[in-house]
Amino acid sequence: MFGDMMNMMGKLKETQQKVEATKKRLDTVFIDEKSSDGLLNITLTANRTIKSIEIADELLEDKEQLEDYLVLTLNKAIEKATNVNEAELAAVAKEGMPNIPGMDMFK
């Protein structure tokens, strides 16, 4: 029984290391999102760090329109990045989780 517990603890530590490595790798996965008309382009990492924002000159003439574009496009980009992030981390966590009865959190 003690050996099983030690094996389980080792597996959890290994999984934690894999999760950390995946988080670092997600800093190099870029998500690009453009407004429907292409006037605004946002790039962020799968860890949801904004890397660049490109704004067409015509959007600079209308502050309110620019704000609307930023909100809509950023929200779409963040949603995509979150989906990638969660899928990657869940896959790593599920792969390394020991089989504990009643603890199947990743169906």
N, C-alpha and C. Protein backbone atom coordinates (compact mmCIF):
# COMPACT_ATOMS: atom_id res chain seq x y z
N MET A 1 0.82 -1.19 0.00
CA MET A 1 0.00 0.00 0.00
C MET A 1 0.87 1.27 0.00
N PHE A 2 1.93 1.25 0.84
CA PHE A 2 2.80 2.41 0.91
C PHE A 2 3.50 2.64 -0.42
N GLY A 3 3.88 1.53 -1.08
CA GLY A 3 4.52 1.62 -2.40
C GLY A 3 3.58 2.24 -3.42
N ASP A 4 2.31 1.87 -3.35
CA ASP A 4 1.32 2.45 -4.25
C ASP A 4 1.19 3.95 -4.03
N MET A 5 1.22 4.35 -2.77
CA MET A 5 1.10 5.77 -2.43
C MET A 5 2.32 6.54 -2.94
N MET A 6 3.50 5.95 -2.79
CA MET A 6 4.72 6.60 -3.27
C MET A 6 4.71 6.70 -4.79
N ASN A 7 4.25 5.65 -5.45
CA ASN A 7 4.14 5.65 -6.91
C ASN A 7 3.17 6.74 -7.36
N MET A 8 2.05 6.85 -6.64
CA MET A 8 1.04 7.86 -6.97
C MET A 8 1.61 9.27 -6.78
N MET A 9 2.35 9.47 -5.69
CA MET A 9 2.94 10.78 -5.43
C MET A 9 3.98 11.13 -6.50
N GLY A 10 4.75 10.14 -6.92
CA GLY A 10 5.73 10.37 -7.99
C GLY A 10 5.05 10.74 -9.29
N LYS A 11 3.94 10.07 -9.58
CA LYS A 11 3.19 10.37 -10.80
C LYS A 11 2.60 11.77 -10.75
N LEU A 12 2.11 12.17 -9.58
CA LEU A 12 1.56 13.52 -9.43
C LEU A 12 2.64 14.58 -9.62
N LYS A 13 3.82 14.34 -9.08
CA LYS A 13 4.94 15.28 -9.24
C LYS A 13 5.34 15.38 -10.71
N GLU A 14 5.39 14.24 -11.38
CA GLU A 14 5.72 14.22 -12.81
C GLU A 14 4.67 14.99 -13.62
N THR A 15 3.42 14.79 -13.28
CA THR A 15 2.33 15.50 -13.96
C THR A 15 2.44 16.99 -13.72
N GLN A 16 2.75 17.38 -12.51
CA GLN A 16 2.91 18.81 -12.18
C GLN A 16 4.03 19.41 -13.03
N GLN A 17 5.12 18.70 -13.20
CA GLN A 17 6.22 19.19 -14.03
C GLN A 17 5.79 19.32 -15.49
N LYS A 18 5.01 18.35 -15.97
CA LYS A 18 4.51 18.41 -17.34
C LYS A 18 3.56 19.59 -17.53
N VAL A 19 2.73 19.85 -16.53
CA VAL A 19 1.81 21.00 -16.60
C VAL A 19 2.61 22.30 -16.68
N GLU A 20 3.64 22.42 -15.86
CA GLU A 20 4.47 23.62 -15.88
C GLU A 20 5.16 23.78 -17.23
N ALA A 21 5.66 22.70 -17.79
CA ALA A 21 6.32 22.75 -19.10
C ALA A 21 5.30 23.14 -20.18
N THR A 22 4.09 22.63 -20.07
CA THR A 22 3.04 22.99 -21.03
C THR A 22 2.70 24.47 -20.93
N LYS A 23 2.62 24.99 -19.72
CA LYS A 23 2.34 26.42 -19.54
C LYS A 23 3.41 27.27 -20.22
N LYS A 24 4.67 26.87 -20.07
CA LYS A 24 5.76 27.61 -20.72
C LYS A 24 5.64 27.52 -22.23
N ARG A 25 5.32 26.32 -22.74
CA ARG A 25 5.17 26.14 -24.19
C ARG A 25 4.02 26.98 -24.74
N LEU A 26 2.96 27.13 -23.95
CA LEU A 26 1.81 27.91 -24.40
C LEU A 26 2.15 29.40 -24.57
N ASP A 27 3.25 29.84 -23.99
CA ASP A 27 3.73 31.21 -24.21
C ASP A 27 4.22 31.39 -25.64
N THR A 28 4.48 30.27 -26.33
CA THR A 28 4.97 30.35 -27.72
C THR A 28 3.89 30.01 -28.74
N VAL A 29 2.69 29.73 -28.26
CA VAL A 29 1.55 29.43 -29.16
C VAL A 29 0.78 30.74 -29.33
N PHE A 30 0.71 31.22 -30.58
CA PHE A 30 0.08 32.51 -30.83
C PHE A 30 -1.30 32.35 -31.45
N ILE A 31 -2.21 33.17 -30.97
CA ILE A 31 -3.59 33.22 -31.47
C ILE A 31 -3.76 34.57 -32.15
N ASP A 32 -4.18 34.55 -33.41
CA ASP A 32 -4.45 35.79 -34.14
C ASP A 32 -5.95 35.93 -34.31
N GLU A 33 -6.44 37.11 -34.04
CA GLU A 33 -7.87 37.40 -34.23
C GLU A 33 -8.00 38.73 -34.95
N LYS A 34 -8.82 38.73 -35.99
CA LYS A 34 -9.07 39.95 -36.75
C LYS A 34 -10.53 40.32 -36.64
N SER A 35 -10.79 41.61 -36.71
CA SER A 35 -12.19 42.05 -36.79
C SER A 35 -12.74 41.55 -38.12
N SER A 36 -14.05 41.49 -38.23
CA SER A 36 -14.67 40.92 -39.44
C SER A 36 -14.25 41.65 -40.71
N ASP A 37 -13.95 42.94 -40.62
CA ASP A 37 -13.54 43.70 -41.80
C ASP A 37 -12.02 43.87 -41.90
N GLY A 38 -11.30 43.27 -40.97
CA GLY A 38 -9.84 43.30 -41.03
C GLY A 38 -9.20 44.60 -40.58
N LEU A 39 -9.96 45.50 -39.99
CA LEU A 39 -9.40 46.78 -39.57
C LEU A 39 -8.63 46.70 -38.25
N LEU A 40 -8.83 45.63 -37.52
CA LEU A 40 -8.14 45.45 -36.24
C LEU A 40 -7.62 44.02 -36.19
N ASN A 41 -6.34 43.87 -35.82
CA ASN A 41 -5.74 42.55 -35.69
C ASN A 41 -5.06 42.46 -34.33
N ILE A 42 -5.37 41.40 -33.60
CA ILE A 42 -4.80 41.21 -32.27
C ILE A 42 -4.11 39.85 -32.23
N THR A 43 -2.93 39.83 -31.64
CA THR A 43 -2.19 38.58 -31.45
C THR A 43 -1.92 38.43 -29.96
N LEU A 44 -2.23 37.24 -29.43
CA LEU A 44 -1.91 36.96 -28.05
C LEU A 44 -1.45 35.52 -27.93
N THR A 45 -0.85 35.20 -26.78
CA THR A 45 -0.39 33.83 -26.57
C THR A 45 -1.55 33.00 -26.05
N ALA A 46 -1.36 31.68 -26.06
CA ALA A 46 -2.38 30.79 -25.50
C ALA A 46 -2.48 30.96 -23.98
N ASN A 47 -1.52 31.65 -23.38
CA ASN A 47 -1.60 32.01 -21.97
C ASN A 47 -2.26 33.38 -21.77
N ARG A 48 -2.82 33.90 -22.84
CA ARG A 48 -3.62 35.14 -22.83
C ARG A 48 -2.80 36.40 -22.51
N THR A 49 -1.58 36.43 -23.04
CA THR A 49 -0.76 37.63 -22.97
C THR A 49 -0.80 38.30 -24.33
N ILE A 50 -1.22 39.57 -24.37
CA ILE A 50 -1.31 40.30 -25.64
C ILE A 50 0.10 40.57 -26.15
N LYS A 51 0.32 40.22 -27.42
CA LYS A 51 1.62 40.43 -28.04
C LYS A 51 1.61 41.60 -29.01
N SER A 52 0.50 41.78 -29.72
CA SER A 52 0.43 42.93 -30.63
C SER A 52 -1.01 43.29 -30.93
N ILE A 53 -1.19 44.57 -31.25
CA ILE A 53 -2.48 45.09 -31.70
C ILE A 53 -2.18 45.99 -32.89
N GLU A 54 -2.81 45.68 -34.02
CA GLU A 54 -2.65 46.48 -35.23
C GLU A 54 -3.99 47.14 -35.54
N ILE A 55 -3.97 48.46 -35.66
CA ILE A 55 -5.19 49.23 -35.86
C ILE A 55 -5.09 49.99 -37.18
N ALA A 56 -6.09 49.81 -38.04
CA ALA A 56 -6.12 50.56 -39.30
C ALA A 56 -6.35 52.04 -39.00
N ASP A 57 -5.75 52.89 -39.82
CA ASP A 57 -5.83 54.33 -39.59
C ASP A 57 -7.27 54.84 -39.50
N GLU A 58 -8.17 54.28 -40.30
CA GLU A 58 -9.55 54.79 -40.28
C GLU A 58 -10.25 54.56 -38.95
N LEU A 59 -9.80 53.58 -38.17
CA LEU A 59 -10.40 53.37 -36.85
C LEU A 59 -9.95 54.43 -35.85
N LEU A 60 -8.84 55.08 -36.12
CA LEU A 60 -8.33 56.09 -35.20
C LEU A 60 -9.15 57.37 -35.23
N GLU A 61 -10.00 57.50 -36.22
CA GLU A 61 -10.82 58.70 -36.36
C GLU A 61 -12.06 58.67 -35.48
N ASP A 62 -12.44 57.50 -34.98
CA ASP A 62 -13.67 57.37 -34.19
C ASP A 62 -13.36 56.57 -32.93
N LYS A 63 -13.18 57.27 -31.82
CA LYS A 63 -12.79 56.65 -30.56
C LYS A 63 -13.79 55.59 -30.13
N GLU A 64 -15.06 55.88 -30.21
CA GLU A 64 -16.09 54.94 -29.76
C GLU A 64 -16.09 53.66 -30.61
N GLN A 65 -15.93 53.83 -31.91
CA GLN A 65 -15.88 52.67 -32.80
C GLN A 65 -14.64 51.82 -32.49
N LEU A 66 -13.51 52.47 -32.27
CA LEU A 66 -12.28 51.75 -31.93
C LEU A 66 -12.46 50.96 -30.64
N GLU A 67 -13.06 51.59 -29.64
CA GLU A 67 -13.29 50.89 -28.37
C GLU A 67 -14.16 49.66 -28.57
N ASP A 68 -15.21 49.78 -29.38
CA ASP A 68 -16.09 48.65 -29.67
C ASP A 68 -15.32 47.53 -30.36
N TYR A 69 -14.50 47.88 -31.35
CA TYR A 69 -13.69 46.90 -32.07
C TYR A 69 -12.75 46.19 -31.10
N LEU A 70 -12.11 46.95 -30.24
CA LEU A 70 -11.17 46.36 -29.29
C LEU A 70 -11.86 45.37 -28.36
N VAL A 71 -13.00 45.75 -27.82
CA VAL A 71 -13.72 44.87 -26.90
C VAL A 71 -14.13 43.58 -27.61
N LEU A 72 -14.75 43.70 -28.77
CA LEU A 72 -15.22 42.52 -29.49
C LEU A 72 -14.07 41.61 -29.90
N THR A 73 -13.05 42.18 -30.49
CA THR A 73 -11.96 41.38 -31.02
C THR A 73 -11.11 40.79 -29.90
N LEU A 74 -10.86 41.55 -28.85
CA LEU A 74 -10.12 41.01 -27.71
C LEU A 74 -10.88 39.86 -27.06
N ASN A 75 -12.18 40.02 -26.89
CA ASN A 75 -12.96 38.95 -26.28
C ASN A 75 -12.92 37.66 -27.12
N LYS A 76 -13.00 37.80 -28.43
CA LYS A 76 -12.91 36.61 -29.31
C LYS A 76 -11.53 35.96 -29.18
N ALA A 77 -10.49 36.79 -29.18
CA ALA A 77 -9.13 36.26 -29.08
C ALA A 77 -8.89 35.58 -27.74
N ILE A 78 -9.38 36.19 -26.68
CA ILE A 78 -9.22 35.61 -25.34
C ILE A 78 -9.97 34.29 -25.24
N GLU A 79 -11.16 34.22 -25.82
CA GLU A 79 -11.93 32.98 -25.80
C GLU A 79 -11.18 31.86 -26.54
N LYS A 80 -10.63 32.17 -27.70
CA LYS A 80 -9.86 31.17 -28.45
C LYS A 80 -8.63 30.72 -27.66
N ALA A 81 -7.91 31.68 -27.08
CA ALA A 81 -6.71 31.35 -26.31
C ALA A 81 -7.06 30.51 -25.09
N THR A 82 -8.16 30.83 -24.44
CA THR A 82 -8.60 30.08 -23.27
C THR A 82 -8.94 28.64 -23.65
N ASN A 83 -9.61 28.47 -24.78
CA ASN A 83 -9.95 27.12 -25.24
C ASN A 83 -8.69 26.29 -25.50
N VAL A 84 -7.70 26.89 -26.16
CA VAL A 84 -6.44 26.18 -26.43
C VAL A 84 -5.74 25.86 -25.11
N ASN A 85 -5.66 26.84 -24.24
CA ASN A 85 -4.99 26.69 -22.95
C ASN A 85 -5.62 25.56 -22.14
N GLU A 86 -6.94 25.60 -21.99
CA GLU A 86 -7.62 24.61 -21.18
C GLU A 86 -7.51 23.21 -21.77
N ALA A 87 -7.62 23.10 -23.08
CA ALA A 87 -7.52 21.79 -23.73
C ALA A 87 -6.13 21.19 -23.54
N GLU A 88 -5.10 22.01 -23.71
CA GLU A 88 -3.73 21.52 -23.56
C GLU A 88 -3.45 21.09 -22.12
N LEU A 89 -3.83 21.92 -21.16
CA LEU A 89 -3.55 21.61 -19.77
C LEU A 89 -4.38 20.42 -19.29
N ALA A 90 -5.63 20.31 -19.74
CA ALA A 90 -6.47 19.17 -19.35
C ALA A 90 -5.89 17.88 -19.89
N ALA A 91 -5.38 17.91 -21.12
CA ALA A 91 -4.81 16.70 -21.72
C ALA A 91 -3.60 16.23 -20.92
N VAL A 92 -2.74 17.16 -20.52
CA VAL A 92 -1.56 16.80 -19.74
C VAL A 92 -1.97 16.29 -18.36
N ALA A 93 -2.92 16.97 -17.74
CA ALA A 93 -3.35 16.56 -16.40
C ALA A 93 -4.02 15.19 -16.43
N LYS A 94 -4.85 14.96 -17.41
CA LYS A 94 -5.55 13.68 -17.50
C LYS A 94 -4.57 12.54 -17.74
N GLU A 95 -3.60 12.79 -18.60
CA GLU A 95 -2.60 11.78 -18.94
C GLU A 95 -1.84 11.32 -17.70
N GLY A 96 -1.59 12.23 -16.78
CA GLY A 96 -0.74 11.90 -15.63
C GLY A 96 -1.48 11.60 -14.35
N MET A 97 -2.79 11.68 -14.36
CA MET A 97 -3.53 11.44 -13.13
C MET A 97 -3.57 9.95 -12.80
N PRO A 98 -3.29 9.61 -11.56
CA PRO A 98 -3.42 8.21 -11.15
C PRO A 98 -4.90 7.82 -11.14
N ASN A 99 -5.16 6.54 -11.26
CA ASN A 99 -6.53 6.05 -11.27
C ASN A 99 -7.02 5.95 -9.83
N ILE A 100 -7.76 6.97 -9.39
CA ILE A 100 -8.31 6.98 -8.04
C ILE A 100 -9.82 6.82 -8.17
N PRO A 101 -10.37 5.76 -7.63
CA PRO A 101 -11.81 5.54 -7.75
C PRO A 101 -12.61 6.74 -7.24
N GLY A 102 -13.60 7.15 -8.02
CA GLY A 102 -14.45 8.27 -7.65
C GLY A 102 -13.86 9.63 -7.97
N MET A 103 -12.67 9.68 -8.56
CA MET A 103 -12.00 10.94 -8.82
C MET A 103 -11.82 11.18 -10.31
N ASP A 104 -12.73 10.68 -11.14
CA ASP A 104 -12.62 10.87 -12.60
C ASP A 104 -13.15 12.25 -12.95
N MET A 105 -12.27 13.25 -12.81
CA MET A 105 -12.65 14.64 -13.05
C MET A 105 -12.63 15.01 -14.51
N PHE A 106 -11.96 14.25 -15.35
CA PHE A 106 -11.77 14.61 -16.74
C PHE A 106 -12.47 13.59 -17.64
N LYS A 107 -13.76 13.69 -17.74
CA LYS A 107 -14.50 12.76 -18.60
C LYS A 107 -14.54 13.24 -20.01
